[in-house]
Amino acid sequence: AKARSGRVSPGDTNAFCNNMAWVLSGKPESETLAHVERGASSRAAAAALAAMLEQRGVLVLVSHRMTESLLLLSRTMGWDLLGGGSHALQYKASSERVQGAKKYQCKSGPGSACHEAILSCNGVDEALYAHYAATFDVLVAAAGIDRAQVDAFDRRSKQARGGDWARKYPVNCKKSQKDLFEQLNFCG
């Protein structure tokens, strides 16, 4: 409700409400999707956005199915992720960093006022996710990706990782250890 009241900046509203849809839309901050009402309006906005993305050939991947997403991306880009070699992509399926409780995390589960407040301004994201989750298996199958390939990539990726550097995200690596952030992200 506060996000829709106009008392929150567009940047903060976009960060909290329908963020995925707004980012994918490529629209400026002033053209927020945060105020789209949940229900028919949000489903229509998501359908229009999905049509625009598909017309532009945008491939939307699903983070909770990262292996299939990476293999789908590799097929689309013509990369050989299963062949190995020194330039093969490797990834870690889960982060070793455990984040503490978030400031804005709901303390109660589905059906709570907090949960409903979050859902109330994320209807476009919810509908967009439902669309891409429903079509993801079709994309994976059309690309010829099967369970054996997923397992092989996971196995190879796990075998290839080693050393402390493999637990760090490369973009976070720091060359010094001046403060706590840099200590946590030091890659040696």
Protein backbone atom coordinates (compact mmCIF):
# COMPACT_ATOMS: atom_id res chain seq x y z
CA ALA A 1 0.00 0.00 0.00
CA LYS A 2 2.81 2.40 0.89
CA ALA A 3 4.52 1.66 -2.42
CA ARG A 4 1.36 2.54 -4.33
CA SER A 5 0.70 5.69 -2.32
CA GLY A 6 3.34 7.73 -4.12
CA ARG A 7 5.25 8.29 -0.86
CA VAL A 8 8.01 5.95 -2.04
CA SER A 9 10.47 6.91 -4.77
CA PRO A 10 10.08 5.19 -8.15
CA GLY A 11 13.48 3.53 -7.69
CA ASP A 12 12.50 2.01 -4.36
CA THR A 13 9.08 1.04 -5.67
CA ASN A 14 10.64 -0.66 -8.71
CA ALA A 15 13.04 -2.54 -6.44
CA PHE A 16 10.20 -4.00 -4.38
CA CYS A 17 7.20 -4.24 -6.70
CA ASN A 18 7.27 -6.13 -10.02
CA ASN A 19 11.04 -5.73 -10.23
CA MET A 20 11.64 -8.64 -12.61
CA ALA A 21 9.02 -7.36 -15.05
CA TRP A 22 10.29 -3.79 -14.88
CA VAL A 23 13.91 -4.85 -15.50
CA LEU A 24 12.94 -7.09 -18.41
CA SER A 25 10.80 -4.33 -19.90
CA GLY A 26 13.82 -2.07 -20.30
CA LYS A 27 11.66 0.92 -19.43
CA PRO A 28 13.01 3.96 -17.60
CA GLU A 29 12.44 4.25 -13.88
CA SER A 30 9.54 6.64 -14.42
CA GLU A 31 7.60 3.97 -16.36
CA THR A 32 7.21 1.63 -13.43
CA LEU A 33 5.11 -1.51 -13.42
CA ALA A 34 4.83 -1.34 -9.63
CA HIS A 35 1.36 0.16 -9.64
CA VAL A 36 -0.31 -2.46 -11.83
CA GLU A 37 -3.12 -4.06 -9.82
CA ARG A 38 -2.92 -7.77 -9.10
CA GLY A 39 -5.37 -9.87 -11.12
CA ALA A 40 -6.49 -9.35 -14.71
CA SER A 41 -4.42 -6.15 -15.13
CA SER A 42 -1.19 -7.81 -14.00
CA ARG A 43 -1.83 -10.90 -16.14
CA ALA A 44 -2.43 -8.67 -19.19
CA ALA A 45 0.74 -6.67 -18.49
CA ALA A 46 2.73 -9.90 -18.13
CA ALA A 47 1.29 -11.32 -21.37
CA ALA A 48 2.18 -8.12 -23.25
CA LEU A 49 5.70 -8.14 -21.81
CA ALA A 50 6.20 -11.85 -22.63
CA ALA A 51 5.02 -11.22 -26.21
CA MET A 52 7.43 -8.29 -26.57
CA LEU A 53 10.33 -10.35 -25.19
CA GLU A 54 9.54 -13.32 -27.43
CA GLN A 55 9.28 -11.02 -30.47
CA ARG A 56 12.77 -9.74 -29.66
CA GLY A 57 14.10 -13.29 -29.20
CA VAL A 58 14.86 -12.88 -25.50
CA LEU A 59 15.61 -16.15 -23.75
CA VAL A 60 14.38 -16.12 -20.15
CA LEU A 61 16.02 -18.70 -17.91
CA VAL A 62 14.90 -20.09 -14.55
CA SER A 63 17.34 -19.70 -11.66
CA HIS A 64 16.06 -22.59 -9.56
CA ARG A 65 16.88 -24.87 -12.51
CA MET A 66 20.32 -23.45 -13.19
CA THR A 67 21.83 -26.51 -14.85
CA GLU A 68 19.07 -26.73 -17.44
CA SER A 69 19.20 -22.94 -17.87
CA LEU A 70 22.95 -23.00 -18.57
CA LEU A 71 22.60 -25.90 -20.98
CA LEU A 72 19.72 -24.13 -22.76
CA LEU A 73 21.78 -20.95 -23.00
CA SER A 74 24.75 -22.93 -24.32
CA ARG A 75 22.62 -24.53 -27.05
CA THR A 76 21.22 -21.14 -28.01
CA MET A 77 24.71 -19.58 -28.15
CA GLY A 78 26.40 -22.58 -29.77
CA TRP A 79 28.68 -23.31 -26.79
CA ASP A 80 29.86 -26.79 -25.88
CA LEU A 81 29.42 -27.03 -22.13
CA LEU A 82 29.56 -30.80 -22.02
CA GLY A 83 32.82 -31.17 -23.95
CA GLY A 84 35.06 -30.04 -21.11
CA GLY A 85 38.42 -28.48 -21.81
CA SER A 86 40.20 -25.60 -20.16
CA HIS A 87 37.61 -23.02 -21.21
CA ALA A 88 34.57 -24.98 -20.07
CA LEU A 89 32.03 -23.15 -17.98
CA GLN A 90 31.78 -24.26 -14.38
CA TYR A 91 29.33 -23.17 -11.77
CA LYS A 92 28.39 -23.93 -8.23
CA ALA A 93 24.79 -25.01 -7.78
CA SER A 94 24.51 -23.40 -4.37
CA SER A 95 26.36 -20.66 -2.59
CA GLU A 96 28.39 -21.53 0.48
CA ARG A 97 27.57 -18.13 1.84
CA VAL A 98 24.65 -18.27 4.18
CA GLN A 99 22.80 -15.01 4.44
CA GLY A 100 21.28 -13.99 7.76
CA ALA A 101 17.65 -13.08 8.20
CA LYS A 102 16.75 -10.22 5.92
CA LYS A 103 15.33 -6.99 7.28
CA TYR A 104 12.27 -7.24 5.05
CA GLN A 105 11.71 -10.98 5.33
CA CYS A 106 8.25 -12.00 6.49
CA LYS A 107 8.34 -13.71 9.84
CA SER A 108 5.14 -15.58 9.09
CA GLY A 109 4.26 -17.76 6.14
CA PRO A 110 1.77 -17.72 3.28
CA GLY A 111 -1.54 -16.10 4.08
CA SER A 112 -0.02 -13.65 6.56
CA ALA A 113 -0.48 -9.90 6.18
CA CYS A 114 3.21 -9.54 5.29
CA HIS A 115 3.04 -12.24 2.63
CA GLU A 116 -0.12 -10.75 1.14
CA ALA A 117 1.44 -7.24 1.11
CA ILE A 118 4.36 -8.52 -0.94
CA LEU A 119 2.10 -10.39 -3.36
CA SER A 120 -0.24 -7.41 -3.68
CA CYS A 121 2.29 -5.38 -5.66
CA ASN A 122 4.01 -8.21 -7.53
CA GLY A 123 1.21 -9.53 -9.70
CA VAL A 124 3.05 -8.86 -12.97
CA ASP A 125 6.14 -10.71 -11.72
CA GLU A 126 3.96 -13.56 -10.47
CA ALA A 127 2.19 -13.91 -13.84
CA LEU A 128 5.44 -13.55 -15.80
CA TYR A 129 7.11 -16.24 -13.70
CA ALA A 130 4.12 -18.56 -14.16
CA HIS A 131 4.35 -18.07 -17.94
CA TYR A 132 8.08 -18.82 -18.14
CA ALA A 133 7.94 -21.69 -15.63
CA ALA A 134 5.20 -23.30 -17.74
CA THR A 135 7.16 -22.94 -20.99
CA PHE A 136 10.61 -23.83 -19.61
CA ASP A 137 10.24 -27.61 -19.97
CA VAL A 138 9.09 -27.14 -23.56
CA LEU A 139 12.20 -25.05 -24.34
CA VAL A 140 14.51 -27.58 -22.67
CA ALA A 141 12.94 -30.49 -24.56
CA ALA A 142 13.03 -28.59 -27.87
CA ALA A 143 16.75 -27.97 -27.35
CA GLY A 144 17.29 -31.72 -26.93
CA ILE A 145 18.48 -31.45 -23.33
CA ASP A 146 17.82 -34.62 -21.35
CA ARG A 147 18.38 -35.81 -17.78
CA ALA A 148 21.65 -37.57 -18.71
CA GLN A 149 23.13 -34.29 -20.01
CA VAL A 150 22.03 -32.42 -16.89
CA ASP A 151 23.61 -35.05 -14.65
CA ALA A 152 26.81 -35.11 -16.73
CA PHE A 153 27.19 -31.33 -16.54
CA ASP A 154 26.56 -31.34 -12.79
CA ARG A 155 29.10 -34.13 -12.28
CA ARG A 156 31.77 -32.48 -14.44
CA SER A 157 31.22 -29.13 -12.81
CA LYS A 158 31.59 -30.62 -9.32
CA GLN A 159 34.77 -32.49 -10.28
CA ALA A 160 36.38 -29.44 -11.89
CA ARG A 161 35.93 -27.16 -8.88
CA GLY A 162 38.71 -27.02 -6.38
CA GLY A 163 40.45 -24.66 -4.04
CA ASP A 164 39.12 -21.74 -2.05
CA TRP A 165 38.83 -19.55 -5.13
CA ALA A 166 36.05 -21.78 -6.46
CA ARG A 167 33.76 -20.76 -3.61
CA LYS A 168 33.92 -17.09 -4.56
CA TYR A 169 32.09 -15.23 -7.24
CA PRO A 170 34.75 -13.81 -9.59
CA VAL A 171 33.18 -10.35 -9.69
CA ASN A 172 33.49 -10.12 -5.90
CA CYS A 173 37.17 -11.05 -5.73
CA LYS A 174 39.30 -8.41 -4.05
CA LYS A 175 43.07 -8.15 -4.09
CA SER A 176 43.42 -6.82 -0.55
CA GLN A 177 41.80 -7.42 2.82
CA LYS A 178 41.34 -3.86 4.15
CA ASP A 179 37.86 -4.28 5.60
CA LEU A 180 35.41 -7.07 6.44
CA PHE A 181 33.79 -7.06 2.96
CA GLU A 182 37.16 -7.46 1.30
CA GLN A 183 38.18 -10.18 3.77
CA LEU A 184 35.04 -12.13 2.94
CA ASN A 185 35.63 -11.68 -0.79
CA PHE A 186 39.41 -12.14 -0.86
CA CYS A 187 40.51 -14.58 -3.56
CA GLY A 188 44.20 -14.69 -2.75
